[in-house]
Amino acid sequence: MRERVVLPRCFDLRQTLDCGQAFRWRELSHEEDACMWEGAAFGRALKLRQTKDSILLFCSEEEFEAVWRGYFDLDADYEEKRRRLSAISPILAEASSYAPGIRILRQDSWEALCSFLISQNNNIPRIKGIIERFCQAFGSPIPGSSFFSFPTPEALASRCLEDLAPLRAGFRAKYLLDAAKKVAGGEISLEEISRESAGFGRIELQKILGVGPKVAECTLLYGYHKTDCFPMDVWMKRAMAILLPDYSAEDFGEDAGLAQQYLFHYSRMHPELFQACSEAG
């Protein structure tokens, strides 16, 4: 079964799935006018093929409506979001034009929390490898695919560090166990974080071992779609200092998270900006 979707403006699979917000997607092929991707979310596996004017999803219409329409945030007007951000600063206009196809995925909050715990002091290929081993070890096979479901907090809470050794996650393993125990035991309510403000979520999430401001902000943005969140690490602090020294996250309003993605991707693809600043200093 397959569902063809007219390609919304401001949607590119590579820009969206390979920008560091999700780690269970892989590109199968890339041609001049088409590309093929596969991945998993919410216990479902999916293949997609993008051409110039449409995206073909290899799933039923029912699954598309129940899972993937929301996951890819297809009902949001990203062209309007780009216009609003571009009006704030010429730099934001340039960054959003560089990768206009980025969208903020609506991911599972537990998966986002674990993914960004794993992401600390790590690179994307290694993050993907740890998450794949994590799912194979503690998830369940997804029928008709090579993917496994993302492990639940309950499946992990009774485990010990020795059980997680094959993941090769290093110091992050104890963070995963602490998160699982606190969520499964009810000390942290992911549902309550969803209902409350981002400020409440920042406080609650940082009760988990290994969750600092950046991991909390990433979890709220990518796992709860709280789009006023603006993850900041050393790289983004440098990017803001160079590109937008007189601005803060609050200046971007409800689209701060999207602004962060535009700026992060633009900065990552233009390392010469940082080199020039370093040489000038």
Protein backbone atom coordinates (compact mmCIF):
# COMPACT_ATOMS: atom_id res chain seq x y z
CA MET A 1 0.00 0.00 0.00
CA ARG A 2 1.16 3.52 -0.66
CA GLU A 3 -0.08 7.02 -0.05
CA ARG A 4 1.01 9.85 -2.32
CA VAL A 5 1.08 13.30 -0.78
CA VAL A 6 1.35 16.50 -2.75
CA LEU A 7 4.64 17.95 -1.60
CA PRO A 8 4.06 20.87 0.78
CA ARG A 9 6.26 23.86 0.20
CA CYS A 10 9.10 23.94 2.70
CA PHE A 11 9.51 20.19 3.09
CA ASP A 12 12.65 18.30 2.14
CA LEU A 13 13.32 14.80 3.47
CA ARG A 14 17.10 15.12 3.64
CA GLN A 15 17.01 18.54 5.30
CA THR A 16 14.42 17.35 7.83
CA LEU A 17 15.65 13.84 8.59
CA ASP A 18 19.39 14.50 8.57
CA CYS A 19 19.62 17.74 10.57
CA GLY A 20 20.20 16.20 14.00
CA GLN A 21 16.68 16.15 15.40
CA ALA A 22 15.94 12.43 14.80
CA PHE A 23 18.25 9.44 14.58
CA ARG A 24 16.25 6.49 13.22
CA TRP A 25 16.16 7.48 9.55
CA ARG A 26 18.52 6.49 6.76
CA GLU A 27 18.75 7.46 3.12
CA LEU A 28 18.49 4.48 0.77
CA SER A 29 19.13 6.27 -2.51
CA HIS A 30 19.66 9.73 -3.88
CA GLU A 31 19.24 10.80 -7.49
CA GLU A 32 19.08 14.22 -9.08
CA ASP A 33 15.30 14.48 -8.86
CA ALA A 34 14.38 11.85 -6.27
CA CYS A 35 15.47 10.26 -3.01
CA MET A 36 14.35 7.30 -0.89
CA TRP A 37 14.38 7.12 2.91
CA GLU A 38 13.33 4.62 5.54
CA GLY A 39 12.92 4.82 9.29
CA ALA A 40 10.74 4.10 12.27
CA ALA A 41 8.64 5.98 14.82
CA PHE A 42 5.77 5.13 17.16
CA GLY A 43 6.26 1.41 16.60
CA ARG A 44 5.82 1.75 12.82
CA ALA A 45 8.35 1.50 10.02
CA LEU A 46 8.08 3.61 6.88
CA LYS A 47 9.67 4.04 3.48
CA LEU A 48 9.31 7.33 1.62
CA ARG A 49 10.23 8.48 -1.86
CA GLN A 50 10.43 12.18 -2.64
CA THR A 51 10.34 13.60 -6.15
CA LYS A 52 10.12 17.19 -7.32
CA ASP A 53 6.44 17.65 -6.56
CA SER A 54 5.33 14.84 -4.25
CA ILE A 55 6.23 12.36 -1.56
CA LEU A 56 5.23 8.72 -1.81
CA LEU A 57 4.71 7.06 1.56
CA PHE A 58 4.66 3.27 1.55
CA CYS A 59 1.80 2.86 4.00
CA SER A 60 -1.98 2.76 4.10
CA GLU A 61 -4.10 5.89 4.10
CA GLU A 62 -5.24 4.99 7.62
CA GLU A 63 -1.67 4.77 8.90
CA PHE A 64 -0.74 8.00 7.16
CA GLU A 65 -3.59 9.84 8.88
CA ALA A 66 -3.03 8.19 12.28
CA VAL A 67 0.77 8.46 12.46
CA TRP A 68 2.67 10.20 9.69
CA ARG A 69 0.61 13.31 8.98
CA GLY A 70 1.21 14.46 12.54
CA TYR A 71 4.78 13.17 12.76
CA PHE A 72 5.90 15.26 9.78
CA ASP A 73 3.81 18.25 10.96
CA LEU A 74 2.14 18.40 7.57
CA ASP A 75 -0.73 20.63 8.66
CA ALA A 76 1.57 23.50 9.67
CA ASP A 77 2.33 26.36 7.28
CA TYR A 78 6.13 26.48 7.24
CA GLU A 79 6.17 29.01 4.43
CA GLU A 80 4.46 31.47 6.77
CA LYS A 81 6.86 30.54 9.59
CA ARG A 82 9.81 31.28 7.29
CA ARG A 83 8.31 34.63 6.37
CA ARG A 84 7.93 35.60 10.02
CA LEU A 85 11.49 34.60 10.90
CA SER A 86 12.98 36.18 7.77
CA ALA A 87 11.42 39.51 8.72
CA ILE A 88 13.35 39.49 12.02
CA SER A 89 16.83 39.53 10.50
CA PRO A 90 18.57 39.28 7.10
CA ILE A 91 20.75 36.52 8.59
CA LEU A 92 17.68 34.46 9.48
CA ALA A 93 16.32 35.10 6.01
CA GLU A 94 19.55 33.76 4.50
CA ALA A 95 19.69 30.74 6.86
CA SER A 96 16.07 29.79 6.21
CA SER A 97 16.58 30.13 2.45
CA TYR A 98 19.62 27.83 2.66
CA ALA A 99 17.53 24.94 4.03
CA PRO A 100 13.86 25.88 3.51
CA GLY A 101 12.75 22.26 3.71
CA ILE A 102 13.46 21.74 7.43
CA ARG A 103 10.40 20.87 9.51
CA ILE A 104 10.20 20.19 13.24
CA LEU A 105 9.12 16.58 13.65
CA ARG A 106 6.51 15.63 16.26
CA GLN A 107 8.41 12.77 17.91
CA ASP A 108 7.58 10.53 20.85
CA SER A 109 8.66 12.28 24.05
CA TRP A 110 10.30 9.22 25.63
CA GLU A 111 12.28 8.46 22.48
CA ALA A 112 13.40 12.09 22.21
CA LEU A 113 14.52 12.10 25.85
CA CYS A 114 16.61 8.94 25.42
CA SER A 115 17.98 10.05 22.06
CA PHE A 116 19.33 13.32 23.44
CA LEU A 117 20.72 11.66 26.54
CA ILE A 118 22.66 9.45 24.12
CA SER A 119 23.65 12.45 21.96
CA GLN A 120 25.82 14.07 24.64
CA ASN A 121 29.47 14.43 23.58
CA ASN A 122 28.69 12.25 20.60
CA ASN A 123 28.48 12.40 16.80
CA ILE A 124 25.47 11.53 14.65
CA PRO A 125 26.74 8.20 13.18
CA ARG A 126 27.62 6.93 16.67
CA ILE A 127 24.31 8.15 18.13
CA LYS A 128 22.46 6.24 15.41
CA GLY A 129 24.48 3.10 16.12
CA ILE A 130 23.78 3.18 19.87
CA ILE A 131 20.07 3.78 19.31
CA GLU A 132 19.85 0.94 16.79
CA ARG A 133 21.51 -1.47 19.23
CA PHE A 134 19.28 -0.15 22.02
CA CYS A 135 16.15 -0.93 20.01
CA GLN A 136 17.40 -4.36 18.95
CA ALA A 137 18.26 -5.27 22.54
CA PHE A 138 15.14 -4.06 24.32
CA GLY A 139 12.50 -3.33 21.66
CA SER A 140 10.27 -5.62 19.61
CA PRO A 141 10.53 -6.43 15.89
CA ILE A 142 8.32 -4.25 13.69
CA PRO A 143 6.55 -6.63 11.28
CA GLY A 144 7.56 -6.36 7.64
CA SER A 145 10.73 -4.42 8.32
CA SER A 146 14.25 -4.69 9.71
CA PHE A 147 13.42 -2.17 12.45
CA PHE A 148 12.62 -2.69 16.12
CA SER A 149 10.28 -0.59 18.22
CA PHE A 150 11.79 1.91 20.63
CA PRO A 151 12.12 0.31 24.11
CA THR A 152 9.56 1.42 26.70
CA PRO A 153 10.59 2.82 30.10
CA GLU A 154 9.13 -0.31 31.70
CA ALA A 155 11.27 -2.60 29.52
CA LEU A 156 14.40 -0.80 30.67
CA ALA A 157 13.63 0.05 34.31
CA SER A 158 14.42 -3.43 35.68
CA ARG A 159 17.77 -3.67 33.86
CA CYS A 160 21.26 -2.98 35.19
CA LEU A 161 24.39 -1.41 33.72
CA GLU A 162 25.74 -4.83 32.71
CA ASP A 163 22.64 -5.38 30.58
CA LEU A 164 23.36 -2.16 28.70
CA ALA A 165 27.06 -2.87 28.13
CA PRO A 166 26.52 -4.24 24.57
CA LEU A 167 25.11 -0.86 23.53
CA ARG A 168 28.58 0.68 23.94
CA ALA A 169 26.88 3.83 25.24
CA GLY A 170 29.57 4.58 27.84
CA PHE A 171 28.64 6.96 30.66
CA ARG A 172 25.25 7.53 29.01
CA ALA A 173 24.00 4.07 30.03
CA LYS A 174 23.43 5.16 33.63
CA TYR A 175 21.46 8.15 32.37
CA LEU A 176 19.14 5.87 30.38
CA LEU A 177 18.56 3.64 33.40
CA ASP A 178 17.83 6.57 35.69
CA ALA A 179 15.38 8.05 33.17
CA ALA A 180 13.59 4.71 32.77
CA LYS A 181 13.26 4.17 36.51
CA LYS A 182 11.94 7.66 37.17
CA VAL A 183 9.43 7.55 34.31
CA ALA A 184 8.27 3.97 34.90
CA GLY A 185 8.06 4.59 38.64
CA GLY A 186 5.94 7.72 38.22
CA GLU A 187 8.48 10.16 39.66
CA ILE A 188 8.54 11.93 36.28
CA SER A 189 5.28 12.19 34.32
CA LEU A 190 5.88 12.65 30.61
CA GLU A 191 2.16 13.35 30.15
CA GLU A 192 2.19 16.15 32.70
CA ILE A 193 5.17 17.75 30.98
CA SER A 194 3.14 17.69 27.77
CA ARG A 195 0.25 19.54 29.40
CA GLU A 196 2.32 22.17 31.19
CA SER A 197 4.54 25.03 30.03
CA ALA A 198 8.09 24.61 28.79
CA GLY A 199 9.32 26.13 32.05
CA PHE A 200 7.71 23.32 34.03
CA GLY A 201 9.23 20.76 31.68
CA ARG A 202 12.72 22.16 32.07
CA ILE A 203 12.51 21.74 35.83
CA GLU A 204 11.02 18.24 35.72
CA LEU A 205 13.34 16.82 33.07
CA GLN A 206 16.44 18.06 34.87
CA LYS A 207 15.52 15.83 37.81
CA ILE A 208 16.81 12.98 35.63
CA LEU A 209 20.50 12.10 35.88
CA GLY A 210 22.38 13.51 32.91
CA VAL A 211 19.68 15.93 31.80
CA GLY A 212 21.03 19.46 31.70
CA PRO A 213 19.54 22.56 30.05
CA LYS A 214 20.44 21.50 26.51
CA VAL A 215 19.02 17.95 26.72
CA ALA A 216 15.88 19.28 28.40
CA GLU A 217 15.44 21.90 25.69
CA CYS A 218 15.93 19.34 22.89
CA THR A 219 13.45 16.96 24.51
CA LEU A 220 10.84 19.71 24.84
CA LEU A 221 11.32 20.91 21.27
CA TYR A 222 11.53 17.59 19.44
CA GLY A 223 9.58 15.33 21.80
CA TYR A 224 6.82 17.73 22.84
CA HIS A 225 6.76 20.18 19.93
CA LYS A 226 7.15 23.10 22.31
CA THR A 227 8.44 25.27 19.52
CA ASP A 228 9.38 28.25 21.68
CA CYS A 229 12.33 26.18 22.96
CA PHE A 230 15.80 26.99 21.64
CA PRO A 231 18.51 24.39 22.40
CA MET A 232 21.89 25.99 23.10
CA ASP A 233 25.24 24.25 23.19
CA VAL A 234 28.76 25.54 22.64
CA TRP A 235 28.27 25.45 18.86
CA MET A 236 25.00 27.41 18.95
CA LYS A 237 26.41 29.94 21.40
CA ARG A 238 29.21 30.64 18.96
CA ALA A 239 26.77 30.78 16.05
CA MET A 240 24.57 33.30 17.84
CA ALA A 241 27.58 35.39 18.87
CA ILE A 242 28.80 35.56 15.26
CA LEU A 243 25.55 35.70 13.30
CA LEU A 244 23.05 37.37 15.64
CA PRO A 245 24.98 38.94 18.54
CA ASP A 246 22.16 41.32 19.49
CA TYR A 247 19.41 38.67 19.58
CA SER A 248 18.20 36.06 22.04
CA ALA A 249 15.82 33.11 21.72
CA GLU A 250 12.94 35.22 23.02
CA ASP A 251 13.19 37.43 19.94
CA PHE A 252 12.07 34.51 17.75
CA GLY A 253 8.81 33.87 19.61
CA GLU A 254 6.83 30.70 19.03
CA ASP A 255 9.11 29.72 16.12
CA ALA A 256 12.34 29.85 18.15
CA GLY A 257 12.96 26.12 17.69
CA LEU A 258 12.67 26.40 13.92
CA ALA A 259 15.00 29.42 13.94
CA GLN A 260 17.48 27.31 15.89
CA GLN A 261 17.33 24.56 13.27
CA TYR A 262 17.87 27.01 10.41
CA LEU A 263 20.83 28.61 12.21
CA PHE A 264 22.33 25.30 13.36
CA HIS A 265 22.20 23.77 9.87
CA TYR A 266 23.47 26.94 8.20
CA SER A 267 26.38 27.22 10.65
CA ARG A 268 27.24 23.52 10.36
CA MET A 269 27.43 23.85 6.57
CA HIS A 270 29.47 27.08 6.69
CA PRO A 271 32.43 26.35 9.01
CA GLU A 272 34.39 29.11 7.32
CA LEU A 273 32.34 31.61 9.31
CA PHE A 274 33.89 30.31 12.51
CA GLN A 275 37.34 30.03 11.00
CA ALA A 276 37.25 33.63 9.84
CA CYS A 277 36.18 34.77 13.31
CA SER A 278 38.98 32.72 14.91
CA GLU A 279 41.61 34.14 12.61
CA ALA A 280 40.33 37.68 13.20
CA GLY A 281 40.59 37.11 16.98
